[in-house]
Amino acid sequence: MQKNKLFYLSLIIIYLLVLSKDTLISLFSSSIYLENLKESYYEGEYNNLSKMLDIKTSNYNIIYSKIIMRDIYDFYNIITLDKGFNDNINKGNIVVNENGVIGLITSVSKNSSEVSLLTNNKIKLSVKINNSYGILTSKDNKIIVENIKSQEEIKENDLVYTSGLTLIKEGLLIGKVTKIKKDNLDLEYILEITPSVNFNDIHYVGVIS
């Protein structure tokens, strides 16, 4: 009698396992997928930080930071960093990544700070193109440079750098000239700039103090 009970119990267990095999396989597959997703995330974080650490710092002090907030409705205007004046970050500091200039620190608290991106229409930055100096600003999320006389020699693909005429370091790459036109009086250029930074893909940054 006891053997019969064990036999029927075994049959029930086997039957239940057969019924639940798809669920078990699904759970196992999900576990592997989540593990791979976690590994992919940390690998991406490592690669992003490694690129930042490649920035040459021999000429200035750089404070590494991570973006902790970026409002989807203000995507091309403001980002928030996880460092503030407790980390020696100050208003007016310029912010870069491994590809070039991102923007300027415009607000600072103890442990965080806000960066106005180059695509923010409130930003103004002194820049240099060849031997000419102008003012960088933004209109409709497009970066432009104005205040350069039309007789100056400017060509498409000329590189744009910080000028060094203010407290901001000279020679930090901003982008290149991709469109040239003149104002209504033909006195000054209005230059459209393609940034060296991909503003859709920013993770870690460096604040130059």
Protein backbone atom coordinates (compact mmCIF):
# COMPACT_ATOMS: atom_id res chain seq x y z
CA MET A 1 0.00 0.00 0.00
CA GLN A 2 2.81 2.37 0.95
CA LYS A 3 4.56 1.63 -2.39
CA ASN A 4 1.39 2.52 -4.29
CA LYS A 5 1.15 5.87 -2.48
CA LEU A 6 4.76 6.68 -3.31
CA PHE A 7 4.20 5.66 -6.92
CA TYR A 8 1.14 7.89 -7.32
CA LEU A 9 2.89 10.76 -5.52
CA SER A 10 5.80 10.46 -7.93
CA LEU A 11 3.40 10.54 -10.88
CA ILE A 12 1.76 13.70 -9.52
CA ILE A 13 5.16 15.41 -9.03
CA ILE A 14 6.25 14.48 -12.59
CA TYR A 15 2.92 15.74 -13.95
CA LEU A 16 3.26 19.05 -12.11
CA LEU A 17 6.83 19.47 -13.38
CA VAL A 18 5.68 18.86 -16.96
CA LEU A 19 2.93 21.45 -16.55
CA SER A 20 5.28 24.05 -15.08
CA LYS A 21 8.29 23.47 -17.34
CA ASP A 22 7.49 26.48 -19.52
CA THR A 23 7.22 28.70 -16.45
CA LEU A 24 10.51 27.39 -15.06
CA ILE A 25 12.28 27.89 -18.40
CA SER A 26 10.86 31.40 -18.62
CA LEU A 27 12.06 32.27 -15.10
CA PHE A 28 15.50 30.87 -15.85
CA SER A 29 15.71 32.79 -19.12
CA SER A 30 14.57 35.99 -17.39
CA SER A 31 17.25 35.54 -14.75
CA ILE A 32 19.93 35.18 -17.43
CA TYR A 33 18.54 38.19 -19.32
CA LEU A 34 18.58 40.38 -16.19
CA GLU A 35 22.12 39.30 -15.37
CA ASN A 36 23.25 40.15 -18.90
CA LEU A 37 21.43 43.48 -18.69
CA LYS A 38 23.20 44.28 -15.42
CA GLU A 39 26.59 43.37 -16.88
CA SER A 40 25.87 45.51 -19.96
CA TYR A 41 24.92 48.50 -17.76
CA TYR A 42 28.09 48.34 -15.65
CA GLU A 43 30.23 47.80 -18.73
CA GLY A 44 28.67 50.92 -20.28
CA GLU A 45 29.27 52.94 -17.10
CA TYR A 46 32.90 51.77 -17.00
CA ASN A 47 33.47 52.70 -20.65
CA ASN A 48 31.91 56.16 -20.20
CA LEU A 49 34.03 56.91 -17.14
CA SER A 50 37.18 55.55 -18.82
CA LYS A 51 36.68 58.00 -21.70
CA MET A 52 36.39 60.88 -19.25
CA LEU A 53 39.60 59.88 -17.50
CA ASP A 54 41.41 60.16 -20.84
CA ILE A 55 40.98 63.95 -20.78
CA LYS A 56 44.38 65.58 -20.53
CA THR A 57 44.55 67.52 -17.28
CA SER A 58 48.13 68.81 -17.33
CA ASN A 59 47.10 72.43 -17.92
CA TYR A 60 44.16 72.72 -15.53
CA ASN A 61 42.36 71.16 -12.59
CA ILE A 62 39.37 69.02 -13.50
CA ILE A 63 36.63 67.71 -11.20
CA TYR A 64 34.88 64.60 -12.50
CA SER A 65 31.12 64.41 -12.04
CA LYS A 66 28.07 62.44 -13.11
CA ILE A 67 24.74 63.70 -14.40
CA ILE A 68 22.04 62.95 -11.84
CA MET A 69 19.08 64.70 -13.44
CA ARG A 70 18.00 65.79 -16.91
CA ASP A 71 14.45 66.98 -17.41
CA ILE A 72 12.97 65.65 -20.65
CA TYR A 73 11.10 68.95 -21.08
CA ASP A 74 14.31 70.95 -20.65
CA PHE A 75 16.57 68.42 -22.34
CA TYR A 76 18.73 70.82 -24.35
CA ASN A 77 18.96 73.51 -21.69
CA ILE A 78 19.95 72.18 -18.26
CA ILE A 79 21.62 69.16 -16.68
CA THR A 80 22.25 68.60 -12.96
CA LEU A 81 25.54 67.22 -11.62
CA ASP A 82 26.30 65.36 -8.38
CA LYS A 83 29.00 67.85 -7.30
CA GLY A 84 28.65 71.33 -5.79
CA PHE A 85 30.63 74.00 -3.94
CA ASN A 86 31.65 71.41 -1.33
CA ASP A 87 33.67 69.94 -4.22
CA ASN A 88 35.14 73.34 -5.23
CA ILE A 89 32.72 73.86 -8.12
CA ASN A 90 31.77 77.49 -8.76
CA LYS A 91 29.39 79.43 -10.94
CA GLY A 92 31.02 80.19 -14.30
CA ASN A 93 33.16 77.03 -14.42
CA ILE A 94 33.20 75.45 -17.87
CA VAL A 95 32.06 71.84 -18.29
CA VAL A 96 33.53 69.36 -20.78
CA ASN A 97 33.54 65.70 -21.70
CA GLU A 98 36.04 63.70 -23.74
CA ASN A 99 34.78 65.32 -26.97
CA GLY A 100 34.69 69.00 -26.03
CA VAL A 101 32.76 71.74 -24.26
CA ILE A 102 29.26 70.98 -22.94
CA GLY A 103 28.32 74.21 -21.20
CA LEU A 104 28.78 76.43 -18.13
CA ILE A 105 27.96 76.05 -14.44
CA THR A 106 25.14 78.52 -13.80
CA SER A 107 23.84 77.45 -10.38
CA VAL A 108 25.61 75.79 -7.43
CA SER A 109 24.47 74.29 -4.13
CA LYS A 110 26.40 72.28 -1.53
CA ASN A 111 26.32 68.92 -3.26
CA SER A 112 24.97 69.59 -6.74
CA SER A 113 25.17 72.08 -9.56
CA GLU A 114 23.35 73.00 -12.75
CA VAL A 115 24.95 73.25 -16.17
CA SER A 116 23.53 75.44 -18.91
CA LEU A 117 24.28 73.58 -22.12
CA LEU A 118 25.65 75.28 -25.22
CA THR A 119 22.20 74.77 -26.76
CA ASN A 120 20.61 76.92 -24.03
CA ASN A 121 19.57 80.28 -25.53
CA LYS A 122 20.62 82.08 -22.33
CA ILE A 123 24.28 81.15 -22.69
CA LYS A 124 26.95 83.49 -24.05
CA LEU A 125 30.56 82.44 -24.50
CA SER A 126 33.62 84.14 -25.96
CA VAL A 127 35.11 81.98 -28.74
CA LYS A 128 37.89 82.01 -31.28
CA ILE A 129 37.85 80.84 -34.90
CA ASN A 130 41.29 81.04 -36.54
CA ASN A 131 42.40 84.56 -35.58
CA SER A 132 38.88 85.96 -35.16
CA TYR A 133 36.92 86.41 -31.94
CA GLY A 134 33.16 86.20 -31.58
CA ILE A 135 30.29 85.46 -29.19
CA LEU A 136 28.66 82.04 -29.09
CA THR A 137 24.97 81.81 -28.30
CA SER A 138 22.03 79.60 -29.22
CA LYS A 139 18.75 80.04 -31.09
CA ASP A 140 16.15 77.29 -31.53
CA ASN A 141 18.62 74.71 -30.12
CA LYS A 142 21.16 75.68 -32.79
CA ILE A 143 24.57 76.96 -31.74
CA ILE A 144 25.67 80.11 -33.55
CA VAL A 145 28.58 82.56 -33.41
CA GLU A 146 28.07 86.28 -34.05
CA ASN A 147 30.07 89.54 -33.79
CA ILE A 148 32.75 88.53 -36.32
CA LYS A 149 33.30 91.10 -39.08
CA SER A 150 32.41 89.86 -42.55
CA GLN A 151 35.86 90.69 -43.93
CA GLU A 152 37.46 88.11 -41.65
CA GLU A 153 38.52 84.85 -43.32
CA ILE A 154 36.14 82.13 -42.14
CA LYS A 155 35.47 78.84 -43.94
CA GLU A 156 33.21 75.85 -43.40
CA ASN A 157 34.79 73.18 -41.17
CA ASP A 158 36.95 75.75 -39.37
CA LEU A 159 37.23 74.72 -35.71
CA VAL A 160 35.76 76.76 -32.87
CA TYR A 161 37.55 77.04 -29.51
CA THR A 162 37.16 78.96 -26.26
CA SER A 163 38.95 82.28 -26.66
CA GLY A 164 40.75 82.73 -23.35
CA LEU A 165 39.59 86.36 -23.20
CA THR A 166 37.62 85.63 -20.02
CA LEU A 167 38.40 83.49 -16.96
CA ILE A 168 37.60 80.40 -19.04
CA LYS A 169 40.62 78.51 -20.32
CA GLU A 170 41.70 79.05 -23.92
CA GLY A 171 41.70 76.36 -26.59
CA LEU A 172 38.88 74.07 -25.43
CA LEU A 173 37.17 72.57 -28.48
CA ILE A 174 33.55 73.54 -29.06
CA GLY A 175 32.84 72.35 -32.60
CA LYS A 176 33.17 73.39 -36.23
CA VAL A 177 31.60 75.90 -38.61
CA THR A 178 28.99 74.20 -40.79
CA LYS A 179 27.01 77.14 -42.22
CA ILE A 180 28.06 80.69 -43.07
CA LYS A 181 25.82 83.65 -43.77
CA LYS A 182 25.88 87.41 -43.20
CA ASP A 183 23.58 89.78 -41.40
CA ASN A 184 21.16 92.06 -43.25
CA LEU A 185 23.81 94.78 -43.62
CA ASP A 186 26.56 92.39 -44.75
CA LEU A 187 28.71 93.68 -41.89
CA GLU A 188 29.00 90.58 -39.71
CA TYR A 189 28.89 86.82 -40.03
CA ILE A 190 26.22 84.63 -38.53
CA LEU A 191 27.91 81.23 -38.24
CA GLU A 192 26.11 77.99 -37.48
CA ILE A 193 28.20 75.60 -35.40
CA THR A 194 28.00 71.84 -35.14
CA PRO A 195 29.17 70.90 -31.63
CA SER A 196 31.87 68.28 -31.10
CA VAL A 197 29.74 66.87 -28.25
CA ASN A 198 26.69 64.66 -28.84
CA PHE A 199 24.19 66.25 -26.45
CA ASN A 200 21.96 63.17 -26.66
CA ASP A 201 24.65 61.00 -25.13
CA ILE A 202 26.24 62.61 -22.07
CA HIS A 203 26.96 60.62 -18.90
CA TYR A 204 30.12 61.73 -17.09
CA VAL A 205 31.59 65.22 -17.35
CA GLY A 206 34.55 67.20 -16.13
CA VAL A 207 34.24 70.62 -14.48
CA ILE A 208 37.30 72.80 -15.06
CA SER A 209 37.96 74.87 -11.97
